C-alpha atoms as a PDB file:
ATOM      1  CA  MET A   1      90.942  76.965 144.342  1.00  0.00           C
ATOM      2  CA  LEU A   2      92.989  80.066 145.038  1.00  0.00           C
ATOM      3  CA  THR A   3      96.499  79.821 143.677  1.00  0.00           C
ATOM      4  CA  GLY A   4      99.103  82.340 142.737  1.00  0.00           C
ATOM      5  CA  LYS A   5     102.766  82.655 141.929  1.00  0.00           C
ATOM      6  CA  LEU A   6     103.569  85.889 143.757  1.00  0.00           C
ATOM      7  CA  LYS A   7     105.768  86.109 146.830  1.00  0.00           C
ATOM      8  CA  ARG A   8     103.497  85.766 149.821  1.00  0.00           C
ATOM      9  CA  SER A   9     103.804  87.579 153.122  1.00  0.00           C
ATOM     10  CA  VAL A  10     102.498  86.260 156.427  1.00  0.00           C
ATOM     11  CA  LYS A  11      99.579  88.674 156.174  1.00  0.00           C
ATOM     12  CA  GLU A  12      98.685  87.419 152.693  1.00  0.00           C
ATOM     13  CA  LEU A  13      98.825  83.761 153.779  1.00  0.00           C
ATOM     14  CA  ASP A  14      96.606  84.639 156.735  1.00  0.00           C
ATOM     15  CA  PHE A  15      94.148  86.241 154.307  1.00  0.00           C
ATOM     16  CA  PHE A  16      94.040  83.103 152.143  1.00  0.00           C
ATOM     17  CA  CYS A  17      93.370  80.951 155.223  1.00  0.00           C
ATOM     18  CA  SER A  18      90.657  83.243 156.556  1.00  0.00           C
ATOM     19  CA  PHE A  19      88.946  83.479 153.182  1.00  0.00           C
ATOM     20  CA  TYR A  20      89.026  79.765 152.502  1.00  0.00           C
ATOM     21  CA  LYS A  21      87.871  78.635 155.942  1.00  0.00           C
ATOM     22  CA  THR A  22      84.526  80.291 155.286  1.00  0.00           C
ATOM     23  CA  THR A  23      83.878  77.501 152.763  1.00  0.00           C
ATOM     24  CA  ILE A  24      84.606  74.648 155.170  1.00  0.00           C
ATOM     25  CA  CYS A  25      82.369  71.827 156.244  1.00  0.00           C
ATOM     26  CA  SER A  26      82.434  71.455 160.036  1.00  0.00           C
ATOM     27  CA  PRO A  27      78.826  70.643 160.976  1.00  0.00           C
ATOM     28  CA  TYR A  28      79.795  68.489 163.976  1.00  0.00           C
ATOM     29  CA  SER A  29      82.601  70.304 165.768  1.00  0.00           C
ATOM     30  CA  LYS A  30      81.656  73.797 164.563  1.00  0.00           C
ATOM     31  CA  PHE A  31      85.442  74.377 164.499  1.00  0.00           C
ATOM     32  CA  PRO A  32      86.376  75.880 161.124  1.00  0.00           C
ATOM     33  CA  VAL A  33      90.032  75.762 160.124  1.00  0.00           C
ATOM     34  CA  GLY A  34      91.694  77.234 157.053  1.00  0.00           C
ATOM     35  CA  ALA A  35      95.179  76.437 155.778  1.00  0.00           C
ATOM     36  CA  ALA A  36      97.397  77.966 153.111  1.00  0.00           C
ATOM     37  CA  LEU A  37     100.426  76.059 151.859  1.00  0.00           C
ATOM     38  CA  LEU A  38     103.279  77.903 150.140  1.00  0.00           C
ATOM     39  CA  THR A  39     105.115  75.702 147.636  1.00  0.00           C
ATOM     40  CA  ALA A  40     108.776  75.945 146.632  1.00  0.00           C
ATOM     41  CA  ASP A  41     107.826  78.061 143.590  1.00  0.00           C
ATOM     42  CA  ASP A  42     105.625  80.403 145.694  1.00  0.00           C
ATOM     43  CA  THR A  43     102.296  78.961 144.595  1.00  0.00           C
ATOM     44  CA  VAL A  44      99.655  79.148 147.325  1.00  0.00           C
ATOM     45  CA  ILE A  45      97.409  76.111 147.773  1.00  0.00           C
ATOM     46  CA  VAL A  46      94.536  76.443 150.243  1.00  0.00           C
ATOM     47  CA  GLY A  47      92.509  73.914 152.172  1.00  0.00           C
ATOM     48  CA  ALA A  48      89.785  73.731 154.795  1.00  0.00           C
ATOM     49  CA  ASN A  49      88.707  71.065 157.244  1.00  0.00           C
ATOM     50  CA  CYS A  50      85.923  68.800 156.044  1.00  0.00           C
ATOM     51  CA  GLU A  51      84.077  66.715 158.627  1.00  0.00           C
ATOM     52  CA  ASN A  52      82.210  63.471 158.147  1.00  0.00           C
ATOM     53  CA  ALA A  53      79.598  61.784 160.331  1.00  0.00           C
ATOM     54  CA  SER A  54      81.940  58.802 160.725  1.00  0.00           C
ATOM     55  CA  TYR A  55      84.581  61.178 162.209  1.00  0.00           C
ATOM     56  CA  GLY A  56      87.375  58.930 160.901  1.00  0.00           C
ATOM     57  CA  GLY A  57      86.581  60.261 157.448  1.00  0.00           C
ATOM     58  CA  THR A  58      87.268  63.824 158.546  1.00  0.00           C
ATOM     59  CA  ILE A  59      90.206  65.608 156.927  1.00  0.00           C
ATOM     60  CA  CYS A  60      92.016  68.537 158.505  1.00  0.00           C
ATOM     61  CA  ALA A  61      92.587  71.771 156.591  1.00  0.00           C
ATOM     62  CA  GLU A  62      96.348  71.189 156.508  1.00  0.00           C
ATOM     63  CA  ARG A  63      96.069  67.717 154.976  1.00  0.00           C
ATOM     64  CA  ASN A  64      93.418  69.001 152.582  1.00  0.00           C
ATOM     65  CA  ALA A  65      95.887  71.636 151.338  1.00  0.00           C
ATOM     66  CA  ILE A  66      98.747  69.113 151.161  1.00  0.00           C
ATOM     67  CA  THR A  67      96.797  66.501 149.206  1.00  0.00           C
ATOM     68  CA  THR A  68      95.565  69.194 146.822  1.00  0.00           C
ATOM     69  CA  ALA A  69      99.166  70.312 146.306  1.00  0.00           C
ATOM     70  CA  LEU A  70     100.326  66.731 145.763  1.00  0.00           C
ATOM     71  CA  SER A  71      97.579  66.138 143.194  1.00  0.00           C
ATOM     72  CA  ARG A  72      98.900  69.169 141.309  1.00  0.00           C
ATOM     73  CA  GLY A  73     102.450  67.832 141.308  1.00  0.00           C
ATOM     74  CA  PHE A  74     103.949  69.894 144.134  1.00  0.00           C
ATOM     75  CA  ARG A  75     106.302  68.043 146.495  1.00  0.00           C
ATOM     76  CA  GLN A  76     108.286  70.794 148.229  1.00  0.00           C
ATOM     77  CA  PHE A  77     106.802  73.267 150.675  1.00  0.00           C
ATOM     78  CA  LYS A  78     108.231  76.369 152.325  1.00  0.00           C
ATOM     79  CA  THR A  79     105.425  77.434 154.652  1.00  0.00           C
ATOM     80  CA  ILE A  80     102.048  76.353 155.946  1.00  0.00           C
ATOM     81  CA  ALA A  81      99.719  78.852 157.598  1.00  0.00           C
ATOM     82  CA  VAL A  82      96.778  77.752 159.744  1.00  0.00           C
ATOM     83  CA  VAL A  83      93.934  79.972 160.972  1.00  0.00           C
ATOM     84  CA  THR A  84      91.213  79.099 163.484  1.00  0.00           C
ATOM     85  CA  GLN A  85      88.593  81.066 165.398  1.00  0.00           C
ATOM     86  CA  LEU A  86      90.249  80.434 168.761  1.00  0.00           C
ATOM     87  CA  GLU A  87      91.509  83.413 170.751  1.00  0.00           C
ATOM     88  CA  GLU A  88      95.006  81.887 170.693  1.00  0.00           C
ATOM     89  CA  PRO A  89      96.503  80.453 167.497  1.00  0.00           C
ATOM     90  CA  ALA A  90      96.301  76.651 167.281  1.00  0.00           C
ATOM     91  CA  THR A  91      99.039  74.326 166.081  1.00  0.00           C
ATOM     92  CA  PRO A  92      98.547  71.595 163.482  1.00  0.00           C
ATOM     93  CA  CYS A  93      97.501  68.271 165.025  1.00  0.00           C
ATOM     94  CA  GLY A  94      99.935  65.369 165.310  1.00  0.00           C
ATOM     95  CA  MET A  95      98.646  63.630 162.191  1.00  0.00           C
ATOM     96  CA  CYS A  96      99.094  66.793 160.119  1.00  0.00           C
ATOM     97  CA  ARG A  97     102.589  67.309 161.523  1.00  0.00           C
ATOM     98  CA  GLN A  98     103.562  63.770 160.534  1.00  0.00           C
ATOM     99  CA  PHE A  99     101.935  64.173 157.125  1.00  0.00           C
ATOM    100  CA  LEU A 100     103.878  67.394 156.477  1.00  0.00           C
ATOM    101  CA  ILE A 101     107.270  66.150 157.701  1.00  0.00           C
ATOM    102  CA  GLU A 102     107.208  63.515 154.940  1.00  0.00           C
ATOM    103  CA  PHE A 103     108.123  66.376 152.600  1.00  0.00           C
ATOM    104  CA  GLY A 104     110.745  68.016 154.830  1.00  0.00           C
ATOM    105  CA  ASP A 105     110.823  70.814 157.344  1.00  0.00           C
ATOM    106  CA  CYS A 106     108.890  74.004 156.679  1.00  0.00           C
ATOM    107  CA  ARG A 107     107.877  77.186 158.420  1.00  0.00           C
ATOM    108  CA  VAL A 108     104.565  76.988 160.323  1.00  0.00           C
ATOM    109  CA  ILE A 109     102.465  80.115 160.852  1.00  0.00           C
ATOM    110  CA  MET A 110      99.474  79.916 163.194  1.00  0.00           C
ATOM    111  CA  GLY A 111      96.892  82.667 163.437  1.00  0.00           C
ATOM    112  CA  SER A 112      93.497  83.523 164.868  1.00  0.00           C
ATOM    113  CA  SER A 113      90.696  85.190 162.963  1.00  0.00           C
ATOM    114  CA  LYS A 114      89.603  86.773 166.274  1.00  0.00           C
ATOM    115  CA  GLY A 115      92.753  88.744 166.891  1.00  0.00           C
ATOM    116  CA  ASP A 116      96.077  89.919 165.599  1.00  0.00           C
ATOM    117  CA  LYS A 117      98.174  87.296 167.359  1.00  0.00           C
ATOM    118  CA  VAL A 118     100.314  85.180 165.048  1.00  0.00           C
ATOM    119  CA  ASN A 119     102.781  82.506 166.149  1.00  0.00           C
ATOM    120  CA  GLU A 120     105.561  81.242 163.938  1.00  0.00           C
ATOM    121  CA  THR A 121     107.767  78.185 164.330  1.00  0.00           C
ATOM    122  CA  SER A 122     109.127  75.350 162.238  1.00  0.00           C
ATOM    123  CA  LEU A 123     107.759  71.892 161.699  1.00  0.00           C
ATOM    124  CA  ALA A 124     110.962  70.452 163.184  1.00  0.00           C
ATOM    125  CA  GLU A 125     110.273  72.379 166.406  1.00  0.00           C
ATOM    126  CA  LEU A 126     106.688  71.103 166.546  1.00  0.00           C
ATOM    127  CA  LEU A 127     107.726  67.515 165.818  1.00  0.00           C
ATOM    128  CA  PRO A 128     111.212  66.862 167.222  1.00  0.00           C
ATOM    129  CA  ASP A 129     112.784  63.466 166.510  1.00  0.00           C
ATOM    130  CA  ALA A 130     110.216  62.872 163.779  1.00  0.00           C
ATOM    131  CA  PHE A 131     109.889  59.526 162.044  1.00  0.00           C
ATOM    132  CA  THR A 132     110.603  60.313 158.388  1.00  0.00           C
ATOM    133  CA  PRO A 133     111.281  58.506 155.115  1.00  0.00           C
ATOM    134  CA  ALA A 134     114.978  58.644 156.061  1.00  0.00           C
ATOM    135  CA  ASN A 135     114.230  56.266 158.959  1.00  0.00           C
ATOM    136  CA  LEU A 136     112.762  53.750 156.545  1.00  0.00           C
ATOM    137  CA  GLU A 137     115.748  54.082 154.203  1.00  0.00           C
ATOM    138  CA  THR A 138     118.107  53.365 157.111  1.00  0.00           C
ATOM    139  CA  HIS A 139     116.006  50.358 158.126  1.00  0.00           C
ATOM    140  CA  THR A 140     115.979  49.017 154.559  1.00  0.00           C
ATOM    141  CA  GLU A 141     119.763  49.419 154.290  1.00  0.00           C
ATOM    142  CA  GLN A 142     120.302  47.605 157.612  1.00  0.00           C
ATOM    143  CA  SER A 143     117.914  44.804 156.623  1.00  0.00           C
ATOM    144  CA  SER A 144     119.799  44.312 153.340  1.00  0.00           C
ATOM    145  CA  LYS A 145     123.102  43.986 155.211  1.00  0.00           C
ATOM    146  CA  ASP A 146     121.598  41.432 157.612  1.00  0.00           C
ATOM    147  CA  ASP A 147     120.407  39.174 154.760  1.00  0.00           C
END
């Protein structure tokens, strides 16, 4: 895995995504995706999509990067960058957005390996009114009061 503790620019994160997506496993969709996750201490964790014949067993590049980061003890993220081969940058899917928001808002950079276009937004903008752990805490508190 590529990791590092240097400050990372958008261009560097894009490089990590583009490099790593060449090692992906997308035999069914032929849609390679690379992701680079920047942790709170500026470590870069990369991931790529990995498809499975059962389709339900497929994991997106973003969740691959997140689960790798979690297995290494990281829980706070500043930025995720995603690169595809589409002409226009693609956003993370709904499942990846929900998976990411569990750890708080972060910057989202989306790029294309076919051009220079890069879009940047926040996770909160991509997933407004998100269901988060805070919702469950509120529910638990209300349930305790009702008992």
